[in-house]
Amino acid sequence: MSRVAVATGGASGMGFSICRHLADRGHRVAVLDLNGDAAQRAAEELHARGAQAMACAVDVSDRKAVDEALGRVRSELGPVEIMVTSAGISGFVTFTDITLEAWNRMIAVNLTGTFHCLQAAIPDMLAARWGRIVTIASSSAQTGAPRMAHYASSKGGVIALTRALAREYAPFGITVNTIPPCSVDTPMSQHFQATGDLPRNEILASRIPVGRLGTGDDIAAACAFLCSEEASYITGQVIGVNGGAVP
């Protein structure tokens, strides 16, 4: 059955892989991303694969922009039935050097941005008595990570928010789960390798039991399943797609 699926951060990396997997399952996909041009290119690629898709430029930390974007989605595709919150920022800073501005921005995008998107989408799901929500957290929230206290804290909040909403909305046919990836080869990880904040892929892979980094498709496959009819009995779960790195 074709549903209306929204993915934030959908123009690149894991977000775009998620958009592709949802489109391949026949869903109508809205690609939301801070980079509007990249979102448009992603939507065009989905069109080329035979999918119905649209693009919206949006900063998820801006509630007005989120509301306007979902208004466009409803107008062009229909009410929101699937929401995947993949938009996020990261950074490496020694804890005592984290400025209040950097802390607030991390929380604003990663946690408050997730709050904005879910709060804006859930009324559609309540009206339909059906919904699928998948948040993208991080294994750093499970294990801790040096020089990433602000990032790990924001993603820990995403996990807590996910679990709270799962309990609140289970009676209404809405499932809410989170995937906290570990080492995944994405443009963001490549950026931090270039800055020296992350080691080379070979070193990262050596720390993962399956012996390789994750891919966007690894995350997207699990996400697409959690968004399916078959996953109706799975909610409030932290689904570790991490190659065994976090038990």
C-alpha atoms as a PDB file:
ATOM      1  CA  MET A   1       0.000   0.000   0.000  1.00  0.00           C
ATOM      2  CA  SER A   2       1.333   3.409  -0.964  1.00  0.00           C
ATOM      3  CA  ARG A   3       1.731   5.805   1.969  1.00  0.00           C
ATOM      4  CA  VAL A   4       2.957   9.381   2.274  1.00  0.00           C
ATOM      5  CA  ALA A   5       6.446   9.286   3.751  1.00  0.00           C
ATOM      6  CA  VAL A   6       8.480  12.259   4.921  1.00  0.00           C
ATOM      7  CA  ALA A   7      12.222  12.005   5.565  1.00  0.00           C
ATOM      8  CA  THR A   8      14.184  14.898   7.020  1.00  0.00           C
ATOM      9  CA  GLY A   9      17.820  15.197   6.078  1.00  0.00           C
ATOM     10  CA  GLY A  10      16.732  13.251   3.033  1.00  0.00           C
ATOM     11  CA  ALA A  11      19.004  14.768   0.405  1.00  0.00           C
ATOM     12  CA  SER A  12      22.183  12.845   1.179  1.00  0.00           C
ATOM     13  CA  GLY A  13      23.815  10.077   3.188  1.00  0.00           C
ATOM     14  CA  MET A  14      21.568   7.869   5.284  1.00  0.00           C
ATOM     15  CA  GLY A  15      18.624  10.180   4.680  1.00  0.00           C
ATOM     16  CA  PHE A  16      18.700   9.710   0.927  1.00  0.00           C
ATOM     17  CA  SER A  17      19.158   5.952   1.273  1.00  0.00           C
ATOM     18  CA  ILE A  18      16.030   5.946   3.431  1.00  0.00           C
ATOM     19  CA  CYS A  19      14.141   7.940   0.797  1.00  0.00           C
ATOM     20  CA  ARG A  20      15.164   5.442  -1.892  1.00  0.00           C
ATOM     21  CA  HIS A  21      14.111   2.424   0.121  1.00  0.00           C
ATOM     22  CA  LEU A  22      10.745   3.986   0.966  1.00  0.00           C
ATOM     23  CA  ALA A  23      10.207   4.968  -2.667  1.00  0.00           C
ATOM     24  CA  ASP A  24      11.112   1.468  -3.831  1.00  0.00           C
ATOM     25  CA  ARG A  25       8.341   0.157  -1.565  1.00  0.00           C
ATOM     26  CA  GLY A  26       5.879   2.304  -3.483  1.00  0.00           C
ATOM     27  CA  HIS A  27       5.511   5.179  -1.037  1.00  0.00           C
ATOM     28  CA  ARG A  28       5.119   8.820  -2.036  1.00  0.00           C
ATOM     29  CA  VAL A  29       8.193  10.504  -0.602  1.00  0.00           C
ATOM     30  CA  ALA A  30       8.805  14.054   0.564  1.00  0.00           C
ATOM     31  CA  VAL A  31      12.519  14.861   0.766  1.00  0.00           C
ATOM     32  CA  LEU A  32      13.081  17.530   3.405  1.00  0.00           C
ATOM     33  CA  ASP A  33      16.543  19.016   3.784  1.00  0.00           C
ATOM     34  CA  LEU A  34      18.286  22.242   4.756  1.00  0.00           C
ATOM     35  CA  ASN A  35      19.888  22.191   1.294  1.00  0.00           C
ATOM     36  CA  GLY A  36      16.965  22.827  -1.014  1.00  0.00           C
ATOM     37  CA  ASP A  37      18.928  22.278  -4.230  1.00  0.00           C
ATOM     38  CA  ALA A  38      20.193  18.906  -2.998  1.00  0.00           C
ATOM     39  CA  ALA A  39      16.666  17.961  -1.929  1.00  0.00           C
ATOM     40  CA  GLN A  40      15.400  18.797  -5.410  1.00  0.00           C
ATOM     41  CA  ARG A  41      18.109  16.669  -7.032  1.00  0.00           C
ATOM     42  CA  ALA A  42      17.206  13.802  -4.696  1.00  0.00           C
ATOM     43  CA  ALA A  43      13.520  14.108  -5.581  1.00  0.00           C
ATOM     44  CA  GLU A  44      14.389  14.114  -9.282  1.00  0.00           C
ATOM     45  CA  GLU A  45      16.423  10.939  -8.832  1.00  0.00           C
ATOM     46  CA  LEU A  46      13.459   9.315  -7.119  1.00  0.00           C
ATOM     47  CA  HIS A  47      11.250  10.416 -10.017  1.00  0.00           C
ATOM     48  CA  ALA A  48      13.691   8.756 -12.393  1.00  0.00           C
ATOM     49  CA  ARG A  49      13.229   5.520 -10.437  1.00  0.00           C
ATOM     50  CA  GLY A  50       9.480   5.771 -11.036  1.00  0.00           C
ATOM     51  CA  ALA A  51       8.502   7.204  -7.663  1.00  0.00           C
ATOM     52  CA  GLN A  52       6.235  10.078  -6.773  1.00  0.00           C
ATOM     53  CA  ALA A  53       8.384  12.527  -4.830  1.00  0.00           C
ATOM     54  CA  MET A  54       8.745  16.162  -3.878  1.00  0.00           C
ATOM     55  CA  ALA A  55      11.385  18.346  -2.250  1.00  0.00           C
ATOM     56  CA  CYS A  56      11.208  20.945   0.499  1.00  0.00           C
ATOM     57  CA  ALA A  57      13.990  23.163   1.838  1.00  0.00           C
ATOM     58  CA  VAL A  58      13.567  23.369   5.599  1.00  0.00           C
ATOM     59  CA  ASP A  59      15.566  24.018   8.752  1.00  0.00           C
ATOM     60  CA  VAL A  60      13.995  21.580  11.215  1.00  0.00           C
ATOM     61  CA  SER A  61      14.882  23.857  14.141  1.00  0.00           C
ATOM     62  CA  ASP A  62      12.434  26.436  12.726  1.00  0.00           C
ATOM     63  CA  ARG A  63       8.904  25.397  13.679  1.00  0.00           C
ATOM     64  CA  LYS A  64       7.231  27.764  11.231  1.00  0.00           C
ATOM     65  CA  ALA A  65       9.323  26.341   8.389  1.00  0.00           C
ATOM     66  CA  VAL A  66       8.463  22.772   9.440  1.00  0.00           C
ATOM     67  CA  ASP A  67       4.745  23.561   9.538  1.00  0.00           C
ATOM     68  CA  GLU A  68       4.921  25.184   6.111  1.00  0.00           C
ATOM     69  CA  ALA A  69       6.828  22.236   4.651  1.00  0.00           C
ATOM     70  CA  LEU A  70       4.322  19.691   5.958  1.00  0.00           C
ATOM     71  CA  GLY A  71       1.534  21.887   4.632  1.00  0.00           C
ATOM     72  CA  ARG A  72       3.100  21.563   1.191  1.00  0.00           C
ATOM     73  CA  VAL A  73       3.409  17.801   1.639  1.00  0.00           C
ATOM     74  CA  ARG A  74      -0.276  17.505   2.492  1.00  0.00           C
ATOM     75  CA  SER A  75      -1.219  19.645  -0.494  1.00  0.00           C
ATOM     76  CA  GLU A  76       0.932  17.753  -3.021  1.00  0.00           C
ATOM     77  CA  LEU A  77       1.045  14.196  -1.672  1.00  0.00           C
ATOM     78  CA  GLY A  78      -1.534  13.849   1.093  1.00  0.00           C
ATOM     79  CA  PRO A  79      -1.583  13.529   4.899  1.00  0.00           C
ATOM     80  CA  VAL A  80       1.648  12.370   6.525  1.00  0.00           C
ATOM     81  CA  GLU A  81       1.602   8.664   7.404  1.00  0.00           C
ATOM     82  CA  ILE A  82       5.323   7.905   7.769  1.00  0.00           C
ATOM     83  CA  MET A  83       7.871  10.230   9.343  1.00  0.00           C
ATOM     84  CA  VAL A  84      11.602   9.536   9.507  1.00  0.00           C
ATOM     85  CA  THR A  85      13.723  12.147  11.272  1.00  0.00           C
ATOM     86  CA  SER A  86      17.229  11.842   9.874  1.00  0.00           C
ATOM     87  CA  ALA A  87      18.232  15.518   9.845  1.00  0.00           C
ATOM     88  CA  GLY A  88      21.055  16.261  12.229  1.00  0.00           C
ATOM     89  CA  ILE A  89      24.352  17.954  12.872  1.00  0.00           C
ATOM     90  CA  SER A  90      27.430  16.718  14.688  1.00  0.00           C
ATOM     91  CA  GLY A  91      30.711  18.019  16.036  1.00  0.00           C
ATOM     92  CA  PHE A  92      33.820  17.271  18.065  1.00  0.00           C
ATOM     93  CA  VAL A  93      34.695  19.660  20.888  1.00  0.00           C
ATOM     94  CA  THR A  94      36.297  19.120  24.276  1.00  0.00           C
ATOM     95  CA  PHE A  95      33.541  19.402  26.867  1.00  0.00           C
ATOM     96  CA  THR A  96      34.972  22.466  28.616  1.00  0.00           C
ATOM     97  CA  ASP A  97      35.246  24.244  25.255  1.00  0.00           C
ATOM     98  CA  ILE A  98      31.623  23.719  24.198  1.00  0.00           C
ATOM     99  CA  THR A  99      30.041  27.158  23.999  1.00  0.00           C
ATOM    100  CA  LEU A 100      26.459  27.749  25.011  1.00  0.00           C
ATOM    101  CA  GLU A 101      25.767  28.714  21.396  1.00  0.00           C
ATOM    102  CA  ALA A 102      27.145  25.391  20.117  1.00  0.00           C
ATOM    103  CA  TRP A 103      25.226  23.453  22.772  1.00  0.00           C
ATOM    104  CA  ASN A 104      21.960  25.219  21.958  1.00  0.00           C
ATOM    105  CA  ARG A 105      22.379  24.725  18.207  1.00  0.00           C
ATOM    106  CA  MET A 106      23.047  20.997  18.631  1.00  0.00           C
ATOM    107  CA  ILE A 107      19.953  20.570  20.779  1.00  0.00           C
ATOM    108  CA  ALA A 108      17.889  22.819  18.484  1.00  0.00           C
ATOM    109  CA  VAL A 109      18.569  20.749  15.370  1.00  0.00           C
ATOM    110  CA  ASN A 110      18.900  17.204  16.690  1.00  0.00           C
ATOM    111  CA  LEU A 111      16.359  17.138  19.508  1.00  0.00           C
ATOM    112  CA  THR A 112      14.040  20.133  19.137  1.00  0.00           C
ATOM    113  CA  GLY A 113      14.018  19.593  15.372  1.00  0.00           C
ATOM    114  CA  THR A 114      12.805  16.048  15.949  1.00  0.00           C
ATOM    115  CA  PHE A 115      10.167  17.381  18.355  1.00  0.00           C
ATOM    116  CA  HIS A 116       8.950  19.914  15.767  1.00  0.00           C
ATOM    117  CA  CYS A 117       8.644  17.340  12.977  1.00  0.00           C
ATOM    118  CA  LEU A 118       6.876  14.717  15.064  1.00  0.00           C
ATOM    119  CA  GLN A 119       4.485  17.131  16.728  1.00  0.00           C
ATOM    120  CA  ALA A 120       3.564  18.544  13.325  1.00  0.00           C
ATOM    121  CA  ALA A 121       3.014  15.106  11.749  1.00  0.00           C
ATOM    122  CA  ILE A 122       1.256  13.130  14.468  1.00  0.00           C
ATOM    123  CA  PRO A 123      -2.185  14.799  14.046  1.00  0.00           C
ATOM    124  CA  ASP A 124      -2.393  13.270  10.530  1.00  0.00           C
ATOM    125  CA  MET A 125      -1.579   9.852  11.960  1.00  0.00           C
ATOM    126  CA  LEU A 126      -4.127  10.224  14.736  1.00  0.00           C
ATOM    127  CA  ALA A 127      -6.794  11.068  12.179  1.00  0.00           C
ATOM    128  CA  ALA A 128      -5.893   7.955  10.175  1.00  0.00           C
ATOM    129  CA  ARG A 129      -5.432   5.745  13.264  1.00  0.00           C
ATOM    130  CA  TRP A 130      -2.209   4.586  11.592  1.00  0.00           C
ATOM    131  CA  GLY A 131       1.334   5.889  11.571  1.00  0.00           C
ATOM    132  CA  ARG A 132       4.987   4.932  11.474  1.00  0.00           C
ATOM    133  CA  ILE A 133       7.716   7.032  13.063  1.00  0.00           C
ATOM    134  CA  VAL A 134      11.419   6.221  12.984  1.00  0.00           C
ATOM    135  CA  THR A 135      13.928   8.561  14.579  1.00  0.00           C
ATOM    136  CA  ILE A 136      17.622   8.365  13.811  1.00  0.00           C
ATOM    137  CA  ALA A 137      19.649   8.594  17.021  1.00  0.00           C
ATOM    138  CA  SER A 138      23.291   7.571  17.528  1.00  0.00           C
ATOM    139  CA  SER A 139      25.249   4.878  19.312  1.00  0.00           C
ATOM    140  CA  SER A 140      27.113   7.705  21.034  1.00  0.00           C
ATOM    141  CA  ALA A 141      23.992   8.164  23.147  1.00  0.00           C
ATOM    142  CA  GLN A 142      24.282   4.532  24.267  1.00  0.00           C
ATOM    143  CA  THR A 143      28.017   4.309  24.886  1.00  0.00           C
ATOM    144  CA  GLY A 144      29.160   7.885  25.320  1.00  0.00           C
ATOM    145  CA  ALA A 145      31.773   9.497  23.092  1.00  0.00           C
ATOM    146  CA  PRO A 146      34.706  11.749  23.941  1.00  0.00           C
ATOM    147  CA  ARG A 147      34.522  15.315  22.617  1.00  0.00           C
ATOM    148  CA  MET A 148      30.871  14.753  21.653  1.00  0.00           C
ATOM    149  CA  ALA A 149      29.014  15.510  24.871  1.00  0.00           C
ATOM    150  CA  HIS A 150      26.608  17.917  23.181  1.00  0.00           C
ATOM    151  CA  TYR A 151      25.925  15.528  20.291  1.00  0.00           C
ATOM    152  CA  ALA A 152      25.506  12.460  22.515  1.00  0.00           C
ATOM    153  CA  SER A 153      23.172  14.407  24.804  1.00  0.00           C
ATOM    154  CA  SER A 154      20.990  15.528  21.919  1.00  0.00           C
ATOM    155  CA  LYS A 155      20.724  11.972  20.573  1.00  0.00           C
ATOM    156  CA  GLY A 156      20.047  10.580  24.045  1.00  0.00           C
ATOM    157  CA  GLY A 157      17.109  12.948  24.159  1.00  0.00           C
ATOM    158  CA  VAL A 158      15.906  11.561  20.830  1.00  0.00           C
ATOM    159  CA  ILE A 159      15.911   8.027  22.276  1.00  0.00           C
ATOM    160  CA  ALA A 160      13.967   9.156  25.352  1.00  0.00           C
ATOM    161  CA  LEU A 161      11.479  11.087  23.224  1.00  0.00           C
ATOM    162  CA  THR A 162      10.971   8.048  21.005  1.00  0.00           C
ATOM    163  CA  ARG A 163      10.196   5.780  23.944  1.00  0.00           C
ATOM    164  CA  ALA A 164       7.789   8.299  25.480  1.00  0.00           C
ATOM    165  CA  LEU A 165       5.852   8.759  22.241  1.00  0.00           C
ATOM    166  CA  ALA A 166       5.717   5.013  21.631  1.00  0.00           C
ATOM    167  CA  ARG A 167       3.831   4.529  24.885  1.00  0.00           C
ATOM    168  CA  GLU A 168       1.615   7.560  24.351  1.00  0.00           C
ATOM    169  CA  TYR A 169       0.496   6.700  20.839  1.00  0.00           C
ATOM    170  CA  ALA A 170       0.475   2.896  20.736  1.00  0.00           C
ATOM    171  CA  PRO A 171      -3.323   2.811  21.331  1.00  0.00           C
ATOM    172  CA  PHE A 172      -3.823   4.820  18.128  1.00  0.00           C
ATOM    173  CA  GLY A 173      -2.059   2.513  15.680  1.00  0.00           C
ATOM    174  CA  ILE A 174       1.124   4.591  15.648  1.00  0.00           C
ATOM    175  CA  THR A 175       4.486   2.908  16.175  1.00  0.00           C
ATOM    176  CA  VAL A 176       7.565   4.883  17.192  1.00  0.00           C
ATOM    177  CA  ASN A 177      11.051   3.368  17.053  1.00  0.00           C
ATOM    178  CA  THR A 178      14.618   4.613  16.851  1.00  0.00           C
ATOM    179  CA  ILE A 179      17.754   3.454  15.045  1.00  0.00           C
ATOM    180  CA  PRO A 180      21.060   4.574  16.614  1.00  0.00           C
ATOM    181  CA  PRO A 181      23.725   3.955  13.944  1.00  0.00           C
ATOM    182  CA  CYS A 182      27.368   3.375  14.832  1.00  0.00           C
ATOM    183  CA  SER A 183      30.102   3.868  12.207  1.00  0.00           C
ATOM    184  CA  VAL A 184      28.422   4.496   8.856  1.00  0.00           C
ATOM    185  CA  ASP A 185      30.222   5.686   5.740  1.00  0.00           C
ATOM    186  CA  THR A 186      28.454   8.970   4.960  1.00  0.00           C
ATOM    187  CA  PRO A 187      29.448  12.425   3.688  1.00  0.00           C
ATOM    188  CA  MET A 188      29.359  13.638   7.306  1.00  0.00           C
ATOM    189  CA  SER A 189      31.773  10.944   8.516  1.00  0.00           C
ATOM    190  CA  GLN A 190      34.038  11.631   5.536  1.00  0.00           C
ATOM    191  CA  HIS A 191      34.072  15.310   6.507  1.00  0.00           C
ATOM    192  CA  PHE A 192      35.204  14.504  10.032  1.00  0.00           C
ATOM    193  CA  GLN A 193      37.845  12.136   8.719  1.00  0.00           C
ATOM    194  CA  ALA A 194      39.180  15.001   6.605  1.00  0.00           C
ATOM    195  CA  THR A 195      39.343  17.260   9.673  1.00  0.00           C
ATOM    196  CA  GLY A 196      41.139  14.579  11.681  1.00  0.00           C
ATOM    197  CA  ASP A 197      38.304  14.068  14.157  1.00  0.00           C
ATOM    198  CA  LEU A 198      37.618  10.511  12.985  1.00  0.00           C
ATOM    199  CA  PRO A 199      40.151   7.813  12.044  1.00  0.00           C
ATOM    200  CA  ARG A 200      40.339   6.137   8.651  1.00  0.00           C
ATOM    201  CA  ASN A 201      37.671   3.643   7.593  1.00  0.00           C
ATOM    202  CA  GLU A 202      40.021   0.690   8.111  1.00  0.00           C
ATOM    203  CA  ILE A 203      40.524   1.630  11.755  1.00  0.00           C
ATOM    204  CA  LEU A 204      36.820   2.214  12.328  1.00  0.00           C
ATOM    205  CA  ALA A 205      35.979  -1.104  10.657  1.00  0.00           C
ATOM    206  CA  SER A 206      38.448  -2.970  12.872  1.00  0.00           C
ATOM    207  CA  ARG A 207      36.342  -2.019  15.898  1.00  0.00           C
ATOM    208  CA  ILE A 208      33.153  -3.537  14.452  1.00  0.00           C
ATOM    209  CA  PRO A 209      32.548  -7.294  14.880  1.00  0.00           C
ATOM    210  CA  VAL A 210      31.305  -7.802  11.310  1.00  0.00           C
ATOM    211  CA  GLY A 211      34.496  -6.164  10.055  1.00  0.00           C
ATOM    212  CA  ARG A 212      33.112  -3.329   7.968  1.00  0.00           C
ATOM    213  CA  LEU A 213      31.483   0.060   8.233  1.00  0.00           C
ATOM    214  CA  GLY A 214      27.766   0.385   7.853  1.00  0.00           C
ATOM    215  CA  THR A 215      26.180   1.803   4.724  1.00  0.00           C
ATOM    216  CA  GLY A 216      23.190   4.013   4.215  1.00  0.00           C
ATOM    217  CA  ASP A 217      21.384   1.001   2.777  1.00  0.00           C
ATOM    218  CA  ASP A 218      21.980  -0.966   5.990  1.00  0.00           C
ATOM    219  CA  ILE A 219      20.177   1.710   7.976  1.00  0.00           C
ATOM    220  CA  ALA A 220      17.517   2.280   5.330  1.00  0.00           C
ATOM    221  CA  ALA A 221      16.564  -1.399   5.058  1.00  0.00           C
ATOM    222  CA  ALA A 222      15.809  -1.576   8.769  1.00  0.00           C
ATOM    223  CA  CYS A 223      14.005   1.746   8.629  1.00  0.00           C
ATOM    224  CA  ALA A 224      11.808   0.683   5.711  1.00  0.00           C
ATOM    225  CA  PHE A 225      10.814  -2.469   7.580  1.00  0.00           C
ATOM    226  CA  LEU A 226       9.904  -0.490  10.701  1.00  0.00           C
ATOM    227  CA  CYS A 227       7.711   1.705   8.483  1.00  0.00           C
ATOM    228  CA  SER A 228       5.851  -1.292   7.045  1.00  0.00           C
ATOM    229  CA  GLU A 229       2.574  -2.993   7.862  1.00  0.00           C
ATOM    230  CA  GLU A 230       4.548  -6.032   9.042  1.00  0.00           C
ATOM    231  CA  ALA A 231       6.150  -4.015  11.866  1.00  0.00           C
ATOM    232  CA  SER A 232       2.880  -3.176  13.630  1.00  0.00           C
ATOM    233  CA  TYR A 233       3.904  -5.032  16.810  1.00  0.00           C
ATOM    234  CA  ILE A 234       7.263  -3.273  17.128  1.00  0.00           C
ATOM    235  CA  THR A 235       7.220   0.016  19.026  1.00  0.00           C
ATOM    236  CA  GLY A 236       9.324   1.813  21.599  1.00  0.00           C
ATOM    237  CA  GLN A 237      12.390  -0.105  20.464  1.00  0.00           C
ATOM    238  CA  VAL A 238      16.016   0.891  20.005  1.00  0.00           C
ATOM    239  CA  ILE A 239      17.011  -1.076  16.904  1.00  0.00           C
ATOM    240  CA  GLY A 240      20.782  -1.356  16.831  1.00  0.00           C
ATOM    241  CA  VAL A 241      21.938  -1.517  13.216  1.00  0.00           C
ATOM    242  CA  ASN A 242      25.608  -1.429  14.077  1.00  0.00           C
ATOM    243  CA  GLY A 243      27.392  -4.588  12.956  1.00  0.00           C
ATOM    244  CA  GLY A 244      27.537  -5.819  16.540  1.00  0.00           C
ATOM    245  CA  ALA A 245      29.486  -2.809  17.813  1.00  0.00           C
ATOM    246  CA  VAL A 246      26.916  -2.079  20.515  1.00  0.00           C
ATOM    247  CA  PRO A 247      25.289  -5.186  22.059  1.00  0.00           C
END
